[in-house]
N, C-alpha and C. Protein backbone atom coordinates (compact mmCIF):
# COMPACT_ATOMS: atom_id res chain seq x y z
N MET A 1 -15.31 140.70 -168.64
CA MET A 1 -16.37 141.43 -166.79
C MET A 1 -17.38 141.74 -167.07
N LYS A 2 -18.04 142.75 -168.52
CA LYS A 2 -19.38 143.29 -168.03
C LYS A 2 -19.93 141.84 -168.48
N ASN A 3 -20.37 141.05 -168.98
CA ASN A 3 -21.39 140.23 -169.25
C ASN A 3 -21.75 139.14 -167.83
N LYS A 4 -20.43 139.45 -167.35
CA LYS A 4 -20.44 138.49 -165.39
C LYS A 4 -21.58 139.59 -164.73
N ILE A 5 -20.84 140.69 -165.15
CA ILE A 5 -22.08 141.39 -164.28
C ILE A 5 -22.94 141.95 -164.60
N THR A 6 -23.10 142.36 -165.84
CA THR A 6 -24.56 142.61 -165.95
C THR A 6 -25.93 141.24 -166.30
N SER A 7 -24.89 139.24 -165.73
CA SER A 7 -25.83 138.31 -165.65
C SER A 7 -26.41 137.86 -164.09
N PHE A 8 -25.40 139.72 -163.20
CA PHE A 8 -25.45 139.26 -162.30
C PHE A 8 -26.73 139.56 -161.06
N LEU A 9 -26.16 140.64 -162.41
CA LEU A 9 -27.84 141.90 -162.06
C LEU A 9 -28.66 141.22 -162.23
N LYS A 10 -29.32 140.71 -163.83
CA LYS A 10 -30.24 140.54 -164.53
C LYS A 10 -31.04 139.34 -162.79
N ALA A 11 -29.73 138.56 -162.34
CA ALA A 11 -30.15 137.58 -161.87
C ALA A 11 -30.64 137.94 -160.70
N LYS A 12 -30.56 138.65 -159.97
CA LYS A 12 -30.56 139.28 -158.92
C LYS A 12 -31.54 140.34 -158.96
N LYS A 13 -31.80 141.19 -159.39
CA LYS A 13 -33.33 142.51 -159.39
C LYS A 13 -33.91 143.03 -158.99
N PHE A 14 -34.68 141.29 -158.25
CA PHE A 14 -36.26 142.09 -157.04
C PHE A 14 -34.45 142.04 -156.29
N ILE A 15 -33.67 141.34 -155.10
CA ILE A 15 -33.19 142.12 -154.49
C ILE A 15 -32.70 142.88 -154.45
N LEU A 16 -31.53 143.60 -155.64
CA LEU A 16 -31.47 144.86 -155.67
C LEU A 16 -32.90 146.69 -155.39
N LEU A 17 -33.87 145.32 -156.42
CA LEU A 17 -34.91 145.99 -155.69
C LEU A 17 -35.85 146.60 -154.32
N GLY A 18 -34.67 145.50 -153.62
CA GLY A 18 -35.62 145.67 -152.19
C GLY A 18 -35.02 146.10 -151.48
N ALA A 19 -33.14 145.88 -151.95
CA ALA A 19 -32.53 146.76 -151.24
C ALA A 19 -32.88 148.16 -151.13
N ILE A 20 -32.41 148.48 -152.21
CA ILE A 20 -32.65 149.75 -152.58
C ILE A 20 -34.46 151.02 -152.10
N LEU A 21 -36.22 149.84 -152.18
CA LEU A 21 -36.60 150.74 -151.44
C LEU A 21 -36.19 151.01 -150.01
N GLY A 22 -35.82 149.61 -149.40
CA GLY A 22 -35.29 148.74 -147.83
C GLY A 22 -34.12 150.74 -147.77
N ALA A 23 -34.00 150.83 -149.01
CA ALA A 23 -32.75 152.02 -147.83
C ALA A 23 -34.11 153.61 -148.27
N ILE A 24 -34.71 153.28 -148.99
CA ILE A 24 -35.18 155.04 -149.09
C ILE A 24 -36.33 154.75 -147.64
N GLY A 25 -37.51 153.45 -147.94
CA GLY A 25 -37.47 153.26 -146.19
C GLY A 25 -36.99 153.59 -145.30
N GLY A 26 -35.47 152.64 -144.59
CA GLY A 26 -34.96 153.60 -143.81
C GLY A 26 -34.62 154.57 -143.68
N TYR A 27 -34.51 154.93 -144.91
CA TYR A 27 -34.27 156.98 -143.98
C TYR A 27 -35.80 157.73 -144.00
N ALA A 28 -36.39 157.32 -144.75
CA ALA A 28 -38.01 158.17 -144.45
C ALA A 28 -38.09 157.43 -142.76
N TYR A 29 -37.58 156.83 -142.41
CA TYR A 29 -37.90 156.16 -141.53
C TYR A 29 -36.95 157.41 -139.58
N TYR A 30 -36.03 157.56 -140.86
CA TYR A 30 -35.31 158.34 -139.84
C TYR A 30 -35.55 159.67 -139.66
N TYR A 31 -35.79 160.06 -141.16
CA TYR A 31 -36.04 161.05 -141.43
C TYR A 31 -37.47 161.49 -140.70
N TYR A 32 -38.14 161.30 -140.74
CA TYR A 32 -40.01 160.82 -139.43
C TYR A 32 -40.38 161.27 -137.58
N ILE A 33 -38.89 159.93 -137.94
CA ILE A 33 -39.66 159.23 -137.02
C ILE A 33 -38.35 159.44 -136.06
N GLY A 34 -37.30 158.90 -136.22
CA GLY A 34 -36.10 159.36 -135.36
C GLY A 34 -36.04 159.00 -134.43
N CYS A 35 -35.00 158.87 -133.57
CA CYS A 35 -34.72 159.17 -131.89
C CYS A 35 -34.05 160.48 -131.83
N VAL A 36 -34.68 161.13 -131.14
CA VAL A 36 -34.35 162.71 -130.51
C VAL A 36 -33.23 162.12 -129.53
N SER A 37 -33.47 161.59 -128.74
CA SER A 37 -31.97 161.45 -128.13
C SER A 37 -30.98 161.05 -128.59
N GLY A 38 -30.81 160.47 -129.39
CA GLY A 38 -29.65 160.15 -129.89
C GLY A 38 -28.83 158.30 -129.65
N THR A 39 -29.39 158.10 -128.67
CA THR A 39 -28.96 157.07 -128.08
C THR A 39 -29.79 155.55 -128.11
N CYS A 40 -30.46 155.97 -129.54
CA CYS A 40 -30.72 155.07 -130.40
C CYS A 40 -29.67 153.78 -131.36
N ALA A 41 -29.41 153.17 -131.02
CA ALA A 41 -29.12 152.54 -132.52
C ALA A 41 -29.26 153.12 -133.90
N ILE A 42 -30.01 152.16 -133.73
CA ILE A 42 -30.30 151.86 -135.88
C ILE A 42 -30.85 153.42 -136.14
N THR A 43 -31.85 154.24 -135.52
CA THR A 43 -32.99 155.79 -135.50
C THR A 43 -31.77 156.38 -135.68
N SER A 44 -31.05 156.70 -135.18
CA SER A 44 -30.60 157.36 -134.55
C SER A 44 -29.35 159.03 -135.58
N SER A 45 -29.07 157.85 -136.29
CA SER A 45 -28.25 158.07 -137.52
C SER A 45 -29.01 157.66 -138.90
N PRO A 46 -28.23 158.62 -139.73
CA PRO A 46 -29.25 158.24 -140.96
C PRO A 46 -28.66 157.01 -142.07
N ILE A 47 -27.75 157.54 -141.22
CA ILE A 47 -26.53 156.10 -142.00
C ILE A 47 -26.69 154.93 -142.33
N ASN A 48 -27.14 154.76 -140.18
CA ASN A 48 -27.53 154.02 -139.62
C ASN A 48 -28.74 152.97 -140.44
N SER A 49 -29.48 154.06 -140.23
CA SER A 49 -31.08 153.43 -140.66
C SER A 49 -31.03 153.44 -142.61
N THR A 50 -30.00 153.65 -142.40
CA THR A 50 -29.90 153.21 -144.14
C THR A 50 -29.56 151.85 -144.89
N LEU A 51 -28.59 151.89 -143.84
CA LEU A 51 -27.74 150.36 -144.43
C LEU A 51 -28.76 149.51 -143.61
N TYR A 52 -29.69 149.37 -142.34
CA TYR A 52 -30.49 148.41 -142.43
C TYR A 52 -31.70 148.79 -143.16
N GLY A 53 -32.41 149.34 -144.47
CA GLY A 53 -33.20 149.35 -144.25
C GLY A 53 -32.62 148.42 -145.53
N ILE A 54 -32.26 148.23 -146.28
CA ILE A 54 -30.79 147.85 -147.44
C ILE A 54 -30.56 146.12 -147.11
N PHE A 55 -30.21 146.42 -146.24
CA PHE A 55 -30.22 144.96 -145.07
C PHE A 55 -32.00 143.93 -145.59
N MET A 56 -32.77 145.07 -144.09
CA MET A 56 -34.25 143.68 -143.97
C MET A 56 -34.76 144.14 -144.63
N GLY A 57 -34.72 145.04 -146.96
CA GLY A 57 -35.20 144.99 -147.77
C GLY A 57 -34.89 143.88 -148.93
N GLY A 58 -33.70 144.08 -147.96
CA GLY A 58 -33.05 142.48 -149.28
C GLY A 58 -33.21 140.97 -148.87
N LEU A 59 -33.53 141.19 -147.32
CA LEU A 59 -33.29 139.61 -147.16
C LEU A 59 -34.79 139.24 -146.85
N LEU A 60 -36.14 140.71 -146.61
CA LEU A 60 -37.05 140.38 -147.42
C LEU A 60 -37.79 139.52 -148.74
N VAL A 61 -37.24 140.92 -149.97
CA VAL A 61 -37.49 140.25 -151.04
C VAL A 61 -37.10 138.92 -151.86
N ASP A 62 -35.39 137.99 -150.54
CA ASP A 62 -35.16 136.87 -150.61
C ASP A 62 -35.59 136.37 -150.59
N LEU A 63 -35.98 136.02 -149.18
CA LEU A 63 -36.45 135.33 -148.61
C LEU A 63 -38.39 134.96 -149.52
N ILE A 64 -39.13 136.42 -149.98
CA ILE A 64 -40.60 135.88 -150.29
C ILE A 64 -39.85 135.26 -151.97
N GLU A 65 -38.65 135.62 -152.91
CA GLU A 65 -38.78 134.80 -154.57
C GLU A 65 -38.53 133.16 -153.89
N THR A 66 -38.15 133.03 -153.01
CA THR A 66 -37.50 131.03 -152.47
C THR A 66 -38.53 131.30 -152.38
N ILE A 67 -39.64 132.02 -151.13
CA ILE A 67 -41.28 131.20 -151.20
C ILE A 67 -41.84 130.68 -153.14
N SER A 68 -41.87 131.59 -153.36
CA SER A 68 -42.05 131.47 -154.57
C SER A 68 -41.60 130.71 -154.91
N THR A 69 -40.39 130.31 -155.77
CA THR A 69 -38.91 129.51 -156.00
C THR A 69 -39.70 128.20 -155.94
N LYS A 70 -39.51 128.12 -155.18
CA LYS A 70 -40.59 126.63 -154.65
C LYS A 70 -41.76 125.79 -153.56
N LYS A 71 -42.66 127.02 -154.01
CA LYS A 71 -43.23 126.63 -154.28
C LYS A 71 -43.83 126.64 -155.71
N THR A 72 -43.33 126.77 -156.63
CA THR A 72 -43.42 126.96 -158.09
C THR A 72 -43.20 125.39 -158.97
N LYS A 73 -41.72 125.50 -158.09
CA LYS A 73 -41.07 123.47 -158.24
C LYS A 73 -41.43 122.67 -157.73
N ASN A 74 -42.69 123.10 -156.84
CA ASN A 74 -43.25 121.62 -156.39
C ASN A 74 -44.58 121.82 -157.07
N GLY A 75 -44.70 122.52 -158.12
CA GLY A 75 -46.79 122.37 -158.38
C GLY A 75 -47.21 122.99 -158.26
N LYS A 76 -46.87 123.37 -157.01
CA LYS A 76 -48.33 124.73 -156.74
C LYS A 76 -48.24 125.90 -156.41
N GLN A 77 -49.13 126.24 -156.44
CA GLN A 77 -49.15 127.62 -156.99
C GLN A 77 -50.48 128.91 -156.73
């Protein structure tokens, strides 16, 4: 079981890093900009803003990793 977890973390290390950076960015956006009135769906709550940052950070890093992998497989660098 430990080997499966370790191999999963090694395979997804960049996505996890992007998610962590996204969480920091999402919370920072809530803290410094936020939504004063409380009517904004994402930025009115630190939990929503942080979760959105995690999701978007992970997706962005996965997209970049996929594009760079495709270029490397096609021989373009």
